[in-house]
Amino acid sequence: MAKKTVASLQKGGGKGHTRVIKMVKSEKTGAYTFRSEMVTNETTKDFFDKK
């Protein structure tokens, strides 16, 4: 399924987006989880700066 998603993003305006993954520590348990989003190339820095 990943290949299909990547292939569809290569057509048109998909090259202007980036998949970002951030490791976030839980306040309650102390365990780490991963949060991923599709953001525009210009907003990748903002994604990592916010908590």
PDB file of N, CA and C in Angstrom:
ATOM      1  N   MET A   1       0.821  -1.191   0.000  1.00  0.00           N
ATOM      2  CA  MET A   1       0.000   0.000   0.000  1.00  0.00           C
ATOM      3  C   MET A   1       0.865   1.255   0.000  1.00  0.00           C
ATOM      4  N   ALA A   2       2.019   1.194   0.612  1.00  0.00           N
ATOM      5  CA  ALA A   2       2.886   2.358   0.651  1.00  0.00           C
ATOM      6  C   ALA A   2       3.318   2.764  -0.747  1.00  0.00           C
ATOM      7  N   LYS A   3       3.586   1.784  -1.601  1.00  0.00           N
ATOM      8  CA  LYS A   3       4.007   2.100  -2.961  1.00  0.00           C
ATOM      9  C   LYS A   3       2.906   2.846  -3.697  1.00  0.00           C
ATOM     10  N   LYS A   4       1.666   2.442  -3.483  1.00  0.00           N
ATOM     11  CA  LYS A   4       0.554   3.095  -4.147  1.00  0.00           C
ATOM     12  C   LYS A   4       0.431   4.547  -3.684  1.00  0.00           C
ATOM     13  N   THR A   5       0.602   4.789  -2.380  1.00  0.00           N
ATOM     14  CA  THR A   5       0.523   6.147  -1.850  1.00  0.00           C
ATOM     15  C   THR A   5       1.630   7.008  -2.408  1.00  0.00           C
ATOM     16  N   VAL A   6       2.846   6.493  -2.409  1.00  0.00           N
ATOM     17  CA  VAL A   6       3.984   7.251  -2.918  1.00  0.00           C
ATOM     18  C   VAL A   6       3.817   7.519  -4.401  1.00  0.00           C
ATOM     19  N   ALA A   7       3.357   6.538  -5.143  1.00  0.00           N
ATOM     20  CA  ALA A   7       3.177   6.716  -6.584  1.00  0.00           C
ATOM     21  C   ALA A   7       2.131   7.778  -6.879  1.00  0.00           C
ATOM     22  N   SER A   8       1.059   7.819  -6.099  1.00  0.00           N
ATOM     23  CA  SER A   8       0.025   8.825  -6.357  1.00  0.00           C
ATOM     24  C   SER A   8       0.503  10.216  -5.966  1.00  0.00           C
ATOM     25  N   LEU A   9       1.405  10.322  -4.986  1.00  0.00           N
ATOM     26  CA  LEU A   9       1.919  11.632  -4.601  1.00  0.00           C
ATOM     27  C   LEU A   9       2.914  12.182  -5.619  1.00  0.00           C
ATOM     28  N   GLN A  10       3.527  11.318  -6.431  1.00  0.00           N
ATOM     29  CA  GLN A  10       4.502  11.780  -7.407  1.00  0.00           C
ATOM     30  C   GLN A  10       3.840  12.513  -8.568  1.00  0.00           C
ATOM     31  N   LYS A  11       2.564  12.266  -8.788  1.00  0.00           N
ATOM     32  CA  LYS A  11       1.844  12.973  -9.852  1.00  0.00           C
ATOM     33  C   LYS A  11       1.421  14.342  -9.313  1.00  0.00           C
ATOM     34  N   GLY A  12       1.486  15.346 -10.111  1.00  0.00           N
ATOM     35  CA  GLY A  12       0.960  16.650  -9.724  1.00  0.00           C
ATOM     36  C   GLY A  12       1.724  17.325  -8.602  1.00  0.00           C
ATOM     37  N   GLY A  13       0.993  17.792  -7.579  1.00  0.00           N
ATOM     38  CA  GLY A  13       1.591  18.595  -6.514  1.00  0.00           C
ATOM     39  C   GLY A  13       2.083  17.808  -5.325  1.00  0.00           C
ATOM     40  N   GLY A  14       2.192  16.507  -5.420  1.00  0.00           N
ATOM     41  CA  GLY A  14       2.620  15.688  -4.292  1.00  0.00           C
ATOM     42  C   GLY A  14       4.063  15.905  -3.879  1.00  0.00           C
ATOM     43  N   LYS A  15       4.869  16.416  -4.781  1.00  0.00           N
ATOM     44  CA  LYS A  15       6.279  16.633  -4.449  1.00  0.00           C
ATOM     45  C   LYS A  15       6.458  17.793  -3.477  1.00  0.00           C
ATOM     46  N   GLY A  16       5.433  18.587  -3.271  1.00  0.00           N
ATOM     47  CA  GLY A  16       5.493  19.710  -2.341  1.00  0.00           C
ATOM     48  C   GLY A  16       5.172  19.304  -0.917  1.00  0.00           C
ATOM     49  N   HIS A  17       4.944  18.007  -0.677  1.00  0.00           N
ATOM     50  CA  HIS A  17       4.602  17.515   0.652  1.00  0.00           C
ATOM     51  C   HIS A  17       5.666  16.548   1.165  1.00  0.00           C
ATOM     52  N   THR A  18       5.779  16.481   2.494  1.00  0.00           N
ATOM     53  CA  THR A  18       6.741  15.597   3.130  1.00  0.00           C
ATOM     54  C   THR A  18       6.055  14.863   4.265  1.00  0.00           C
ATOM     55  N   ARG A  19       6.361  13.583   4.432  1.00  0.00           N
ATOM     56  CA  ARG A  19       5.852  12.831   5.576  1.00  0.00           C
ATOM     57  C   ARG A  19       6.869  12.998   6.700  1.00  0.00           C
ATOM     58  N   VAL A  20       6.413  13.532   7.836  1.00  0.00           N
ATOM     59  CA  VAL A  20       7.301  13.755   8.974  1.00  0.00           C
ATOM     60  C   VAL A  20       6.862  12.870  10.129  1.00  0.00           C
ATOM     61  N   ILE A  21       7.844  12.344  10.856  1.00  0.00           N
ATOM     62  CA  ILE A  21       7.579  11.458  11.984  1.00  0.00           C
ATOM     63  C   ILE A  21       8.318  12.026  13.193  1.00  0.00           C
ATOM     64  N   LYS A  22       7.599  12.173  14.299  1.00  0.00           N
ATOM     65  CA  LYS A  22       8.173  12.754  15.502  1.00  0.00           C
ATOM     66  C   LYS A  22       7.958  11.800  16.674  1.00  0.00           C
ATOM     67  N   MET A  23       8.991  11.611  17.486  1.00  0.00           N
ATOM     68  CA  MET A  23       8.881  10.767  18.672  1.00  0.00           C
ATOM     69  C   MET A  23       8.444  11.649  19.840  1.00  0.00           C
ATOM     70  N   VAL A  24       7.333  11.262  20.507  1.00  0.00           N
ATOM     71  CA  VAL A  24       6.764  12.055  21.585  1.00  0.00           C
ATOM     72  C   VAL A  24       6.703  11.203  22.841  1.00  0.00           C
ATOM     73  N   LYS A  25       7.156  11.779  23.964  1.00  0.00           N
ATOM     74  CA  LYS A  25       7.139  11.060  25.239  1.00  0.00           C
ATOM     75  C   LYS A  25       5.829  11.360  25.963  1.00  0.00           C
ATOM     76  N   SER A  26       5.168  10.312  26.462  1.00  0.00           N
ATOM     77  CA  SER A  26       3.906  10.458  27.178  1.00  0.00           C
ATOM     78  C   SER A  26       4.172  11.012  28.575  1.00  0.00           C
ATOM     79  N   GLU A  27       3.365  11.976  28.993  1.00  0.00           N
ATOM     80  CA  GLU A  27       3.497  12.556  30.330  1.00  0.00           C
ATOM     81  C   GLU A  27       3.127  11.546  31.416  1.00  0.00           C
ATOM     82  N   LYS A  28       2.091  10.739  31.177  1.00  0.00           N
ATOM     83  CA  LYS A  28       1.600   9.794  32.181  1.00  0.00           C
ATOM     84  C   LYS A  28       2.528   8.599  32.379  1.00  0.00           C
ATOM     85  N   THR A  29       2.818   7.898  31.299  1.00  0.00           N
ATOM     86  CA  THR A  29       3.531   6.623  31.409  1.00  0.00           C
ATOM     87  C   THR A  29       5.024   6.736  31.155  1.00  0.00           C
ATOM     88  N   GLY A  30       5.456   7.769  30.481  1.00  0.00           N
ATOM     89  CA  GLY A  30       6.871   7.898  30.135  1.00  0.00           C
ATOM     90  C   GLY A  30       7.258   7.121  28.891  1.00  0.00           C
ATOM     91  N   ALA A  31       6.295   6.445  28.272  1.00  0.00           N
ATOM     92  CA  ALA A  31       6.569   5.672  27.053  1.00  0.00           C
ATOM     93  C   ALA A  31       6.611   6.621  25.850  1.00  0.00           C
ATOM     94  N   TYR A  32       7.380   6.222  24.858  1.00  0.00           N
ATOM     95  CA  TYR A  32       7.484   7.018  23.637  1.00  0.00           C
ATOM     96  C   TYR A  32       6.509   6.501  22.588  1.00  0.00           C
ATOM     97  N   THR A  33       5.889   7.426  21.868  1.00  0.00           N
ATOM     98  CA  THR A  33       5.019   7.092  20.743  1.00  0.00           C
ATOM     99  C   THR A  33       5.494   7.893  19.540  1.00  0.00           C
ATOM    100  N   PHE A  34       5.087   7.457  18.371  1.00  0.00           N
ATOM    101  CA  PHE A  34       5.467   8.141  17.140  1.00  0.00           C
ATOM    102  C   PHE A  34       4.252   8.818  16.547  1.00  0.00           C
ATOM    103  N   ARG A  35       4.404  10.086  16.182  1.00  0.00           N
ATOM    104  CA  ARG A  35       3.333  10.855  15.550  1.00  0.00           C
ATOM    105  C   ARG A  35       3.785  11.220  14.149  1.00  0.00           C
ATOM    106  N   SER A  36       2.996  10.868  13.161  1.00  0.00           N
ATOM    107  CA  SER A  36       3.386  11.181  11.785  1.00  0.00           C
ATOM    108  C   SER A  36       2.276  11.961  11.099  1.00  0.00           C
ATOM    109  N   GLU A  37       2.686  12.841  10.214  1.00  0.00           N
ATOM    110  CA  GLU A  37       1.751  13.669   9.451  1.00  0.00           C
ATOM    111  C   GLU A  37       2.332  13.932   8.071  1.00  0.00           C
ATOM    112  N   MET A  38       1.458  14.304   7.163  1.00  0.00           N
ATOM    113  CA  MET A  38       1.872  14.794   5.857  1.00  0.00           C
ATOM    114  C   MET A  38       1.756  16.313   5.912  1.00  0.00           C
ATOM    115  N   VAL A  39       2.862  17.014   5.734  1.00  0.00           N
ATOM    116  CA  VAL A  39       2.868  18.474   5.778  1.00  0.00           C
ATOM    117  C   VAL A  39       3.549  19.008   4.528  1.00  0.00           C
ATOM    118  N   THR A  40       3.347  20.284   4.266  1.00  0.00           N
ATOM    119  CA  THR A  40       4.020  20.893   3.121  1.00  0.00           C
ATOM    120  C   THR A  40       5.493  21.074   3.456  1.00  0.00           C
ATOM    121  N   ASN A  41       6.311  21.173   2.439  1.00  0.00           N
ATOM    122  CA  ASN A  41       7.749  21.296   2.646  1.00  0.00           C
ATOM    123  C   ASN A  41       8.111  22.538   3.454  1.00  0.00           C
ATOM    124  N   GLU A  42       7.325  23.594   3.338  1.00  0.00           N
ATOM    125  CA  GLU A  42       7.622  24.836   4.048  1.00  0.00           C
ATOM    126  C   GLU A  42       7.319  24.735   5.540  1.00  0.00           C
ATOM    127  N   THR A  43       6.421  23.846   5.947  1.00  0.00           N
ATOM    128  CA  THR A  43       6.000  23.791   7.346  1.00  0.00           C
ATOM    129  C   THR A  43       6.639  22.641   8.138  1.00  0.00           C
ATOM    130  N   THR A  44       7.643  21.981   7.576  1.00  0.00           N
ATOM    131  CA  THR A  44       8.283  20.884   8.305  1.00  0.00           C
ATOM    132  C   THR A  44       8.974  21.370   9.570  1.00  0.00           C
ATOM    133  N   LYS A  45       9.633  22.524   9.515  1.00  0.00           N
ATOM    134  CA  LYS A  45      10.307  23.055  10.695  1.00  0.00           C
ATOM    135  C   LYS A  45       9.296  23.376  11.785  1.00  0.00           C
ATOM    136  N   ASP A  46       8.149  23.937  11.425  1.00  0.00           N
ATOM    137  CA  ASP A  46       7.102  24.259  12.404  1.00  0.00           C
ATOM    138  C   ASP A  46       6.582  22.999  13.085  1.00  0.00           C
ATOM    139  N   PHE A  47       6.481  21.894  12.336  1.00  0.00           N
ATOM    140  CA  PHE A  47       5.999  20.639  12.911  1.00  0.00           C
ATOM    141  C   PHE A  47       6.915  20.176  14.023  1.00  0.00           C
ATOM    142  N   PHE A  48       8.222  20.256  13.827  1.00  0.00           N
ATOM    143  CA  PHE A  48       9.157  19.787  14.835  1.00  0.00           C
ATOM    144  C   PHE A  48       9.327  20.773  15.984  1.00  0.00           C
ATOM    145  N   ASP A  49       9.045  22.048  15.768  1.00  0.00           N
ATOM    146  CA  ASP A  49       9.184  23.041  16.827  1.00  0.00           C
ATOM    147  C   ASP A  49       8.033  23.009  17.833  1.00  0.00           C
ATOM    148  N   LYS A  50       6.822  22.667  17.375  1.00  0.00           N
ATOM    149  CA  LYS A  50       5.685  22.664  18.298  1.00  0.00           C
ATOM    150  C   LYS A  50       5.687  21.411  19.163  1.00  0.00           C
ATOM    151  N   LYS A  51       5.097  21.510  20.343  1.00  0.00           N
ATOM    152  CA  LYS A  51       5.051  20.373  21.263  1.00  0.00           C
ATOM    153  C   LYS A  51       3.808  19.577  21.076  1.00  0.00           C
TER     154      LYS A  51
END
